[in-house]
Amino acid sequence: MENFFSTLKIELVYRRSWRTRDEAENAISGYIDGFYNTERIQKDLGWLSPDEYEAAWHTAQTEPTTIPASPAGAR
């Protein structure tokens, strides 16, 4: 957490000044919103952990595939 506040101060606070407290709060809120990754990988993985997803993927790859039987009379 200390590293985050240090980065915030170095990249934003020490580089400019604001006329009002509201301007400063908006700038800091914008920095924080842009700093964090708002997309979660779990959603794309079907809410599985990366290890669970990878294990399921490998299982699907190693299962033998079945070849559908050709329709009767087709050659």
PDB file of N, CA and C in Angstrom:
ATOM      1  N   MET A   1       0.822  -1.180   0.000  1.00  0.00           N
ATOM      2  CA  MET A   1       0.000   0.000   0.000  1.00  0.00           C
ATOM      3  C   MET A   1       0.871   1.251   0.000  1.00  0.00           C
ATOM      4  N   GLU A   2       1.957   1.210   0.729  1.00  0.00           N
ATOM      5  CA  GLU A   2       2.845   2.370   0.767  1.00  0.00           C
ATOM      6  C   GLU A   2       3.416   2.652  -0.612  1.00  0.00           C
ATOM      7  N   ASN A   3       3.685   1.598  -1.374  1.00  0.00           N
ATOM      8  CA  ASN A   3       4.217   1.759  -2.717  1.00  0.00           C
ATOM      9  C   ASN A   3       3.206   2.475  -3.611  1.00  0.00           C
ATOM     10  N   PHE A   4       1.933   2.161  -3.464  1.00  0.00           N
ATOM     11  CA  PHE A   4       0.898   2.821  -4.255  1.00  0.00           C
ATOM     12  C   PHE A   4       0.881   4.319  -3.979  1.00  0.00           C
ATOM     13  N   PHE A   5       0.874   4.701  -2.703  1.00  0.00           N
ATOM     14  CA  PHE A   5       0.821   6.119  -2.369  1.00  0.00           C
ATOM     15  C   PHE A   5       2.086   6.847  -2.816  1.00  0.00           C
ATOM     16  N   SER A   6       3.214   6.183  -2.743  1.00  0.00           N
ATOM     17  CA  SER A   6       4.452   6.773  -3.236  1.00  0.00           C
ATOM     18  C   SER A   6       4.358   7.034  -4.736  1.00  0.00           C
ATOM     19  N   THR A   7       3.864   6.060  -5.475  1.00  0.00           N
ATOM     20  CA  THR A   7       3.707   6.214  -6.925  1.00  0.00           C
ATOM     21  C   THR A   7       2.708   7.312  -7.240  1.00  0.00           C
ATOM     22  N   LEU A   8       1.616   7.360  -6.515  1.00  0.00           N
ATOM     23  CA  LEU A   8       0.605   8.406  -6.707  1.00  0.00           C
ATOM     24  C   LEU A   8       1.209   9.790  -6.510  1.00  0.00           C
ATOM     25  N   LYS A   9       1.969   9.955  -5.463  1.00  0.00           N
ATOM     26  CA  LYS A   9       2.575  11.252  -5.192  1.00  0.00           C
ATOM     27  C   LYS A   9       3.586  11.630  -6.259  1.00  0.00           C
ATOM     28  N   ILE A  10       4.440  10.698  -6.636  1.00  0.00           N
ATOM     29  CA  ILE A  10       5.485  10.997  -7.607  1.00  0.00           C
ATOM     30  C   ILE A  10       4.896  11.289  -8.985  1.00  0.00           C
ATOM     31  N   GLU A  11       3.942  10.479  -9.429  1.00  0.00           N
ATOM     32  CA  GLU A  11       3.404  10.621 -10.772  1.00  0.00           C
ATOM     33  C   GLU A  11       2.340  11.697 -10.906  1.00  0.00           C
ATOM     34  N   LEU A  12       1.670  12.059  -9.829  1.00  0.00           N
ATOM     35  CA  LEU A  12       0.557  12.995  -9.949  1.00  0.00           C
ATOM     36  C   LEU A  12       0.689  14.215  -9.041  1.00  0.00           C
ATOM     37  N   VAL A  13       0.791  13.986  -7.769  1.00  0.00           N
ATOM     38  CA  VAL A  13       0.687  15.080  -6.808  1.00  0.00           C
ATOM     39  C   VAL A  13       1.846  16.060  -6.917  1.00  0.00           C
ATOM     40  N   TYR A  14       3.078  15.576  -7.011  1.00  0.00           N
ATOM     41  CA  TYR A  14       4.231  16.465  -7.037  1.00  0.00           C
ATOM     42  C   TYR A  14       4.418  17.158  -8.384  1.00  0.00           C
ATOM     43  N   ARG A  15       3.720  16.717  -9.404  1.00  0.00           N
ATOM     44  CA  ARG A  15       3.920  17.269 -10.739  1.00  0.00           C
ATOM     45  C   ARG A  15       3.010  18.440 -11.068  1.00  0.00           C
ATOM     46  N   ARG A  16       1.980  18.698 -10.266  1.00  0.00           N
ATOM     47  CA  ARG A  16       1.097  19.814 -10.569  1.00  0.00           C
ATOM     48  C   ARG A  16       0.418  20.326  -9.324  1.00  0.00           C
ATOM     49  N   SER A  17      -0.250  21.429  -9.476  1.00  0.00           N
ATOM     50  CA  SER A  17      -1.024  21.991  -8.369  1.00  0.00           C
ATOM     51  C   SER A  17      -2.431  22.281  -8.869  1.00  0.00           C
ATOM     52  N   TRP A  18      -3.356  22.369  -7.943  1.00  0.00           N
ATOM     53  CA  TRP A  18      -4.754  22.586  -8.282  1.00  0.00           C
ATOM     54  C   TRP A  18      -5.265  23.821  -7.567  1.00  0.00           C
ATOM     55  N   ARG A  19      -6.263  24.439  -8.160  1.00  0.00           N
ATOM     56  CA  ARG A  19      -6.849  25.641  -7.558  1.00  0.00           C
ATOM     57  C   ARG A  19      -7.789  25.303  -6.421  1.00  0.00           C
ATOM     58  N   THR A  20      -8.516  24.207  -6.578  1.00  0.00           N
ATOM     59  CA  THR A  20      -9.490  23.840  -5.550  1.00  0.00           C
ATOM     60  C   THR A  20      -9.280  22.396  -5.118  1.00  0.00           C
ATOM     61  N   ARG A  21      -9.859  22.104  -3.991  1.00  0.00           N
ATOM     62  CA  ARG A  21      -9.794  20.731  -3.485  1.00  0.00           C
ATOM     63  C   ARG A  21     -10.545  19.777  -4.412  1.00  0.00           C
ATOM     64  N   ASP A  22     -11.676  20.260  -4.974  1.00  0.00           N
ATOM     65  CA  ASP A  22     -12.445  19.419  -5.906  1.00  0.00           C
ATOM     66  C   ASP A  22     -11.616  19.023  -7.122  1.00  0.00           C
ATOM     67  N   GLU A  23     -10.831  19.941  -7.670  1.00  0.00           N
ATOM     68  CA  GLU A  23      -9.964  19.622  -8.806  1.00  0.00           C
ATOM     69  C   GLU A  23      -8.960  18.535  -8.428  1.00  0.00           C
ATOM     70  N   ALA A  24      -8.387  18.663  -7.251  1.00  0.00           N
ATOM     71  CA  ALA A  24      -7.414  17.674  -6.790  1.00  0.00           C
ATOM     72  C   ALA A  24      -8.083  16.311  -6.594  1.00  0.00           C
ATOM     73  N   GLU A  25      -9.246  16.304  -5.973  1.00  0.00           N
ATOM     74  CA  GLU A  25      -9.962  15.047  -5.756  1.00  0.00           C
ATOM     75  C   GLU A  25     -10.323  14.382  -7.080  1.00  0.00           C
ATOM     76  N   ASN A  26     -10.774  15.158  -8.061  1.00  0.00           N
ATOM     77  CA  ASN A  26     -11.116  14.597  -9.373  1.00  0.00           C
ATOM     78  C   ASN A  26      -9.887  14.031 -10.073  1.00  0.00           C
ATOM     79  N   ALA A  27      -8.760  14.728  -9.977  1.00  0.00           N
ATOM     80  CA  ALA A  27      -7.531  14.246 -10.605  1.00  0.00           C
ATOM     81  C   ALA A  27      -7.059  12.949  -9.946  1.00  0.00           C
ATOM     82  N   ILE A  28      -7.133  12.893  -8.635  1.00  0.00           N
ATOM     83  CA  ILE A  28      -6.708  11.691  -7.912  1.00  0.00           C
ATOM     84  C   ILE A  28      -7.661  10.528  -8.207  1.00  0.00           C
ATOM     85  N   SER A  29      -8.961  10.805  -8.252  1.00  0.00           N
ATOM     86  CA  SER A  29      -9.928   9.748  -8.583  1.00  0.00           C
ATOM     87  C   SER A  29      -9.683   9.223  -9.994  1.00  0.00           C
ATOM     88  N   GLY A  30      -9.421  10.124 -10.932  1.00  0.00           N
ATOM     89  CA  GLY A  30      -9.126   9.695 -12.299  1.00  0.00           C
ATOM     90  C   GLY A  30      -7.864   8.870 -12.374  1.00  0.00           C
ATOM     91  N   TYR A  31      -6.850   9.240 -11.611  1.00  0.00           N
ATOM     92  CA  TYR A  31      -5.603   8.478 -11.576  1.00  0.00           C
ATOM     93  C   TYR A  31      -5.846   7.069 -11.043  1.00  0.00           C
ATOM     94  N   ILE A  32      -6.602   6.974  -9.959  1.00  0.00           N
ATOM     95  CA  ILE A  32      -6.871   5.670  -9.350  1.00  0.00           C
ATOM     96  C   ILE A  32      -7.697   4.805 -10.297  1.00  0.00           C
ATOM     97  N   ASP A  33      -8.714   5.383 -10.942  1.00  0.00           N
ATOM     98  CA  ASP A  33      -9.538   4.613 -11.879  1.00  0.00           C
ATOM     99  C   ASP A  33      -8.708   4.098 -13.045  1.00  0.00           C
ATOM    100  N   GLY A  34      -7.753   4.876 -13.510  1.00  0.00           N
ATOM    101  CA  GLY A  34      -6.904   4.446 -14.613  1.00  0.00           C
ATOM    102  C   GLY A  34      -5.804   3.504 -14.179  1.00  0.00           C
ATOM    103  N   PHE A  35      -5.472   3.528 -12.905  1.00  0.00           N
ATOM    104  CA  PHE A  35      -4.378   2.718 -12.373  1.00  0.00           C
ATOM    105  C   PHE A  35      -4.767   1.258 -12.227  1.00  0.00           C
ATOM    106  N   TYR A  36      -5.992   1.018 -11.774  1.00  0.00           N
ATOM    107  CA  TYR A  36      -6.426  -0.342 -11.496  1.00  0.00           C
ATOM    108  C   TYR A  36      -7.017  -0.996 -12.729  1.00  0.00           C
ATOM    109  N   ASN A  37      -6.777  -2.267 -12.874  1.00  0.00           N
ATOM    110  CA  ASN A  37      -7.359  -3.057 -13.945  1.00  0.00           C
ATOM    111  C   ASN A  37      -8.779  -3.419 -13.531  1.00  0.00           C
ATOM    112  N   THR A  38      -9.746  -2.909 -14.273  1.00  0.00           N
ATOM    113  CA  THR A  38     -11.136  -3.140 -13.884  1.00  0.00           C
ATOM    114  C   THR A  38     -11.706  -4.420 -14.487  1.00  0.00           C
ATOM    115  N   GLU A  39     -11.010  -5.044 -15.420  1.00  0.00           N
ATOM    116  CA  GLU A  39     -11.486  -6.287 -16.004  1.00  0.00           C
ATOM    117  C   GLU A  39     -10.903  -7.458 -15.230  1.00  0.00           C
ATOM    118  N   ARG A  40     -11.745  -8.387 -14.931  1.00  0.00           N
ATOM    119  CA  ARG A  40     -11.314  -9.543 -14.147  1.00  0.00           C
ATOM    120  C   ARG A  40     -11.144 -10.753 -15.054  1.00  0.00           C
ATOM    121  N   ILE A  41      -9.995 -11.391 -14.960  1.00  0.00           N
ATOM    122  CA  ILE A  41      -9.696 -12.551 -15.800  1.00  0.00           C
ATOM    123  C   ILE A  41     -10.623 -13.710 -15.468  1.00  0.00           C
ATOM    124  N   GLN A  42     -11.096 -13.795 -14.231  1.00  0.00           N
ATOM    125  CA  GLN A  42     -11.949 -14.912 -13.836  1.00  0.00           C
ATOM    126  C   GLN A  42     -13.222 -14.952 -14.669  1.00  0.00           C
ATOM    127  N   LYS A  43     -13.760 -13.798 -15.041  1.00  0.00           N
ATOM    128  CA  LYS A  43     -14.987 -13.768 -15.833  1.00  0.00           C
ATOM    129  C   LYS A  43     -14.754 -14.439 -17.185  1.00  0.00           C
ATOM    130  N   ASP A  44     -13.624 -14.136 -17.829  1.00  0.00           N
ATOM    131  CA  ASP A  44     -13.317 -14.734 -19.122  1.00  0.00           C
ATOM    132  C   ASP A  44     -13.008 -16.222 -19.010  1.00  0.00           C
ATOM    133  N   LEU A  45     -12.620 -16.666 -17.838  1.00  0.00           N
ATOM    134  CA  LEU A  45     -12.286 -18.075 -17.629  1.00  0.00           C
ATOM    135  C   LEU A  45     -13.457 -18.857 -17.055  1.00  0.00           C
ATOM    136  N   GLY A  46     -14.648 -18.297 -17.118  1.00  0.00           N
ATOM    137  CA  GLY A  46     -15.817 -18.995 -16.583  1.00  0.00           C
ATOM    138  C   GLY A  46     -15.783 -19.089 -15.069  1.00  0.00           C
ATOM    139  N   TRP A  47     -15.202 -18.114 -14.412  1.00  0.00           N
ATOM    140  CA  TRP A  47     -15.089 -18.029 -12.959  1.00  0.00           C
ATOM    141  C   TRP A  47     -14.254 -19.152 -12.362  1.00  0.00           C
ATOM    142  N   LEU A  48     -13.393 -19.771 -13.187  1.00  0.00           N
ATOM    143  CA  LEU A  48     -12.447 -20.769 -12.683  1.00  0.00           C
ATOM    144  C   LEU A  48     -11.128 -20.073 -12.373  1.00  0.00           C
ATOM    145  N   SER A  49     -10.349 -20.667 -11.494  1.00  0.00           N
ATOM    146  CA  SER A  49      -9.011 -20.143 -11.268  1.00  0.00           C
ATOM    147  C   SER A  49      -8.181 -20.445 -12.506  1.00  0.00           C
ATOM    148  N   PRO A  50      -7.086 -19.729 -12.745  1.00  0.00           N
ATOM    149  CA  PRO A  50      -6.257 -20.040 -13.913  1.00  0.00           C
ATOM    150  C   PRO A  50      -5.789 -21.487 -13.939  1.00  0.00           C
ATOM    151  N   ASP A  51      -5.457 -22.054 -12.780  1.00  0.00           N
ATOM    152  CA  ASP A  51      -5.034 -23.456 -12.722  1.00  0.00           C
ATOM    153  C   ASP A  51      -6.169 -24.402 -13.109  1.00  0.00           C
ATOM    154  N   GLU A  52      -7.372 -24.128 -12.605  1.00  0.00           N
ATOM    155  CA  GLU A  52      -8.523 -24.974 -12.938  1.00  0.00           C
ATOM    156  C   GLU A  52      -8.844 -24.892 -14.431  1.00  0.00           C
ATOM    157  N   TYR A  53      -8.786 -23.680 -14.986  1.00  0.00           N
ATOM    158  CA  TYR A  53      -9.074 -23.495 -16.404  1.00  0.00           C
ATOM    159  C   TYR A  53      -8.056 -24.245 -17.266  1.00  0.00           C
ATOM    160  N   GLU A  54      -6.786 -24.119 -16.898  1.00  0.00           N
ATOM    161  CA  GLU A  54      -5.737 -24.792 -17.669  1.00  0.00           C
ATOM    162  C   GLU A  54      -5.885 -26.311 -17.582  1.00  0.00           C
ATOM    163  N   ALA A  55      -6.212 -26.828 -16.402  1.00  0.00           N
ATOM    164  CA  ALA A  55      -6.399 -28.265 -16.246  1.00  0.00           C
ATOM    165  C   ALA A  55      -7.572 -28.742 -17.101  1.00  0.00           C
ATOM    166  N   ALA A  56      -8.657 -27.986 -17.108  1.00  0.00           N
ATOM    167  CA  ALA A  56      -9.814 -28.354 -17.926  1.00  0.00           C
ATOM    168  C   ALA A  56      -9.467 -28.298 -19.407  1.00  0.00           C
ATOM    169  N   TRP A  57      -8.696 -27.318 -19.811  1.00  0.00           N
ATOM    170  CA  TRP A  57      -8.291 -27.192 -21.210  1.00  0.00           C
ATOM    171  C   TRP A  57      -7.443 -28.386 -21.630  1.00  0.00           C
ATOM    172  N   HIS A  58      -6.476 -28.753 -20.780  1.00  0.00           N
ATOM    173  CA  HIS A  58      -5.622 -29.901 -21.104  1.00  0.00           C
ATOM    174  C   HIS A  58      -6.429 -31.194 -21.165  1.00  0.00           C
ATOM    175  N   THR A  59      -7.398 -31.339 -20.278  1.00  0.00           N
ATOM    176  CA  THR A  59      -8.254 -32.521 -20.292  1.00  0.00           C
ATOM    177  C   THR A  59      -9.039 -32.587 -21.598  1.00  0.00           C
ATOM    178  N   ALA A  60      -9.573 -31.463 -22.030  1.00  0.00           N
ATOM    179  CA  ALA A  60     -10.336 -31.426 -23.281  1.00  0.00           C
ATOM    180  C   ALA A  60      -9.442 -31.739 -24.481  1.00  0.00           C
ATOM    181  N   GLN A  61      -8.172 -31.356 -24.416  1.00  0.00           N
ATOM    182  CA  GLN A  61      -7.261 -31.603 -25.526  1.00  0.00           C
ATOM    183  C   GLN A  61      -6.824 -33.060 -25.607  1.00  0.00           C
ATOM    184  N   THR A  62      -6.769 -33.746 -24.488  1.00  0.00           N
ATOM    185  CA  THR A  62      -6.268 -35.125 -24.473  1.00  0.00           C
ATOM    186  C   THR A  62      -7.367 -36.160 -24.648  1.00  0.00           C
ATOM    187  N   GLU A  63      -8.631 -35.744 -24.525  1.00  0.00           N
ATOM    188  CA  GLU A  63      -9.723 -36.691 -24.711  1.00  0.00           C
ATOM    189  C   GLU A  63      -9.784 -37.093 -26.179  1.00  0.00           C
ATOM    190  N   PRO A  64      -9.973 -38.374 -26.431  1.00  0.00           N
ATOM    191  CA  PRO A  64     -10.048 -38.800 -27.829  1.00  0.00           C
ATOM    192  C   PRO A  64     -11.280 -38.224 -28.507  1.00  0.00           C
ATOM    193  N   THR A  65     -11.099 -37.814 -29.725  1.00  0.00           N
ATOM    194  CA  THR A  65     -12.235 -37.289 -30.467  1.00  0.00           C
ATOM    195  C   THR A  65     -12.930 -38.439 -31.183  1.00  0.00           C
ATOM    196  N   THR A  66     -14.213 -38.366 -31.274  1.00  0.00           N
ATOM    197  CA  THR A  66     -14.965 -39.409 -31.951  1.00  0.00           C
ATOM    198  C   THR A  66     -15.307 -38.911 -33.342  1.00  0.00           C
ATOM    199  N   ILE A  67     -15.192 -39.803 -34.293  1.00  0.00           N
ATOM    200  CA  ILE A  67     -15.515 -39.476 -35.670  1.00  0.00           C
ATOM    201  C   ILE A  67     -16.957 -39.892 -35.887  1.00  0.00           C
ATOM    202  N   PRO A  68     -17.797 -38.959 -36.312  1.00  0.00           N
ATOM    203  CA  PRO A  68     -19.206 -39.332 -36.500  1.00  0.00           C
ATOM    204  C   PRO A  68     -19.349 -40.365 -37.608  1.00  0.00           C
ATOM    205  N   ALA A  69     -20.279 -41.284 -37.395  1.00  0.00           N
ATOM    206  CA  ALA A  69     -20.524 -42.323 -38.398  1.00  0.00           C
ATOM    207  C   ALA A  69     -21.155 -41.691 -39.617  1.00  0.00           C
ATOM    208  N   SER A  70     -20.784 -42.191 -40.753  1.00  0.00           N
ATOM    209  CA  SER A  70     -21.364 -41.648 -41.982  1.00  0.00           C
ATOM    210  C   SER A  70     -22.812 -42.112 -42.097  1.00  0.00           C
ATOM    211  N   PRO A  71     -23.651 -41.328 -42.739  1.00  0.00           N
ATOM    212  CA  PRO A  71     -25.065 -41.727 -42.895  1.00  0.00           C
ATOM    213  C   PRO A  71     -25.170 -43.029 -43.658  1.00  0.00           C
ATOM    214  N   ALA A  72     -26.189 -43.769 -43.381  1.00  0.00           N
ATOM    215  CA  ALA A  72     -26.398 -45.077 -44.029  1.00  0.00           C
ATOM    216  C   ALA A  72     -26.509 -44.896 -45.534  1.00  0.00           C
ATOM    217  N   GLY A  73     -25.798 -45.734 -46.276  1.00  0.00           N
ATOM    218  CA  GLY A  73     -25.866 -45.707 -47.717  1.00  0.00           C
ATOM    219  C   GLY A  73     -24.915 -44.698 -48.361  1.00  0.00           C
ATOM    220  N   ALA A  74     -24.280 -43.856 -47.576  1.00  0.00           N
ATOM    221  CA  ALA A  74     -23.358 -42.868 -48.160  1.00  0.00           C
ATOM    222  C   ALA A  74     -21.990 -43.492 -48.335  1.00  0.00           C
ATOM    223  N   ARG A  75     -21.371 -43.282 -49.458  1.00  0.00           N
ATOM    224  CA  ARG A  75     -20.029 -43.804 -49.709  1.00  0.00           C
ATOM    225  C   ARG A  75     -19.233 -42.796 -50.451  1.00  0.00           C
TER     226      ARG A  75
END
